[in-house]
Amino acid sequence: MSLKWTDTLDIAIALCEAHPDVDPKTIRFTDLMQWVMALPEFADDPGHCGEKILEAIQMAWMDEV
């Protein structure tokens, strides 16, 4: 299964597993975008990412923690 930017919950779960010691409230969006793109199952165009998507990923990640 490949992840797209719109798969915010699945991305949040993957980030939780990849970075268990990180408080998602403290991450900068530039870092968050890089971490998402570094996920092995992620496959989407970086140009499709925007601040609203990063906010949604961050919120879902905070809910998972």
C-alpha atoms as a PDB file:
ATOM      1  CA  MET A   1       0.000   0.000   0.000  1.00  0.00           C
ATOM      2  CA  SER A   2       1.408   3.372  -0.935  1.00  0.00           C
ATOM      3  CA  LEU A   3       0.516   6.471   1.046  1.00  0.00           C
ATOM      4  CA  LYS A   4      -0.649   9.750  -0.467  1.00  0.00           C
ATOM      5  CA  TRP A   5      -0.786  13.161   1.213  1.00  0.00           C
ATOM      6  CA  THR A   6      -4.508  12.701   1.822  1.00  0.00           C
ATOM      7  CA  ASP A   7      -3.923   9.536   3.903  1.00  0.00           C
ATOM      8  CA  THR A   8      -3.375  11.659   6.993  1.00  0.00           C
ATOM      9  CA  LEU A   9      -4.312   9.031   9.589  1.00  0.00           C
ATOM     10  CA  ASP A  10      -2.169   6.308   8.017  1.00  0.00           C
ATOM     11  CA  ILE A  11       0.737   8.754   7.720  1.00  0.00           C
ATOM     12  CA  ALA A  12       0.300   9.752  11.374  1.00  0.00           C
ATOM     13  CA  ILE A  13       0.417   6.098  12.448  1.00  0.00           C
ATOM     14  CA  ALA A  14       3.547   5.497  10.368  1.00  0.00           C
ATOM     15  CA  LEU A  15       5.209   8.598  11.855  1.00  0.00           C
ATOM     16  CA  CYS A  16       4.268   7.418  15.359  1.00  0.00           C
ATOM     17  CA  GLU A  17       6.061   4.140  14.686  1.00  0.00           C
ATOM     18  CA  ALA A  18       9.045   5.763  12.950  1.00  0.00           C
ATOM     19  CA  HIS A  19       9.561   8.515  15.559  1.00  0.00           C
ATOM     20  CA  PRO A  20       8.178   7.205  18.874  1.00  0.00           C
ATOM     21  CA  ASP A  21      10.113   9.703  21.027  1.00  0.00           C
ATOM     22  CA  VAL A  22       8.994  12.831  19.163  1.00  0.00           C
ATOM     23  CA  ASP A  23       6.285  15.153  20.437  1.00  0.00           C
ATOM     24  CA  PRO A  24       4.366  16.063  17.259  1.00  0.00           C
ATOM     25  CA  LYS A  25       3.528  19.493  18.704  1.00  0.00           C
ATOM     26  CA  THR A  26       7.224  20.433  18.538  1.00  0.00           C
ATOM     27  CA  ILE A  27       7.975  19.524  14.926  1.00  0.00           C
ATOM     28  CA  ARG A  28       8.322  22.173  12.227  1.00  0.00           C
ATOM     29  CA  PHE A  29       6.288  21.699   9.058  1.00  0.00           C
ATOM     30  CA  THR A  30       9.461  21.635   6.947  1.00  0.00           C
ATOM     31  CA  ASP A  31      10.731  18.683   8.999  1.00  0.00           C
ATOM     32  CA  LEU A  32       7.318  17.022   9.013  1.00  0.00           C
ATOM     33  CA  MET A  33       7.159  17.165   5.229  1.00  0.00           C
ATOM     34  CA  GLN A  34      10.634  15.599   4.956  1.00  0.00           C
ATOM     35  CA  TRP A  35       9.754  12.842   7.437  1.00  0.00           C
ATOM     36  CA  VAL A  36       6.562  12.004   5.546  1.00  0.00           C
ATOM     37  CA  MET A  37       8.420  11.828   2.233  1.00  0.00           C
ATOM     38  CA  ALA A  38      11.050   9.595   3.868  1.00  0.00           C
ATOM     39  CA  LEU A  39       8.461   6.974   4.885  1.00  0.00           C
ATOM     40  CA  PRO A  40       9.115   3.825   2.812  1.00  0.00           C
ATOM     41  CA  GLU A  41       5.444   3.392   1.927  1.00  0.00           C
ATOM     42  CA  PHE A  42       4.961   7.046   0.910  1.00  0.00           C
ATOM     43  CA  ALA A  43       4.569   7.754  -2.803  1.00  0.00           C
ATOM     44  CA  ASP A  44       3.117  11.117  -3.776  1.00  0.00           C
ATOM     45  CA  ASP A  45       4.160  14.360  -5.424  1.00  0.00           C
ATOM     46  CA  PRO A  46       5.725  16.857  -2.964  1.00  0.00           C
ATOM     47  CA  GLY A  47       3.939  19.577  -4.924  1.00  0.00           C
ATOM     48  CA  HIS A  48       0.595  18.260  -3.688  1.00  0.00           C
ATOM     49  CA  CYS A  49       1.497  19.062  -0.087  1.00  0.00           C
ATOM     50  CA  GLY A  50       0.357  22.244   1.587  1.00  0.00           C
ATOM     51  CA  GLU A  51       0.041  23.732   5.054  1.00  0.00           C
ATOM     52  CA  LYS A  52      -3.509  22.382   5.529  1.00  0.00           C
ATOM     53  CA  ILE A  53      -2.358  18.834   4.793  1.00  0.00           C
ATOM     54  CA  LEU A  54       0.605  19.142   7.167  1.00  0.00           C
ATOM     55  CA  GLU A  55      -1.708  20.510   9.873  1.00  0.00           C
ATOM     56  CA  ALA A  56      -4.055  17.548   9.373  1.00  0.00           C
ATOM     57  CA  ILE A  57      -1.148  15.095   9.621  1.00  0.00           C
ATOM     58  CA  GLN A  58       0.145  16.819  12.752  1.00  0.00           C
ATOM     59  CA  MET A  59      -3.308  16.767  14.378  1.00  0.00           C
ATOM     60  CA  ALA A  60      -3.787  13.075  13.550  1.00  0.00           C
ATOM     61  CA  TRP A  61      -0.317  12.327  14.945  1.00  0.00           C
ATOM     62  CA  MET A  62      -1.149  14.177  18.174  1.00  0.00           C
ATOM     63  CA  ASP A  63      -4.352  12.123  18.441  1.00  0.00           C
ATOM     64  CA  GLU A  64      -2.333   8.910  18.031  1.00  0.00           C
ATOM     65  CA  VAL A  65       0.134   9.861  20.777  1.00  0.00           C
END
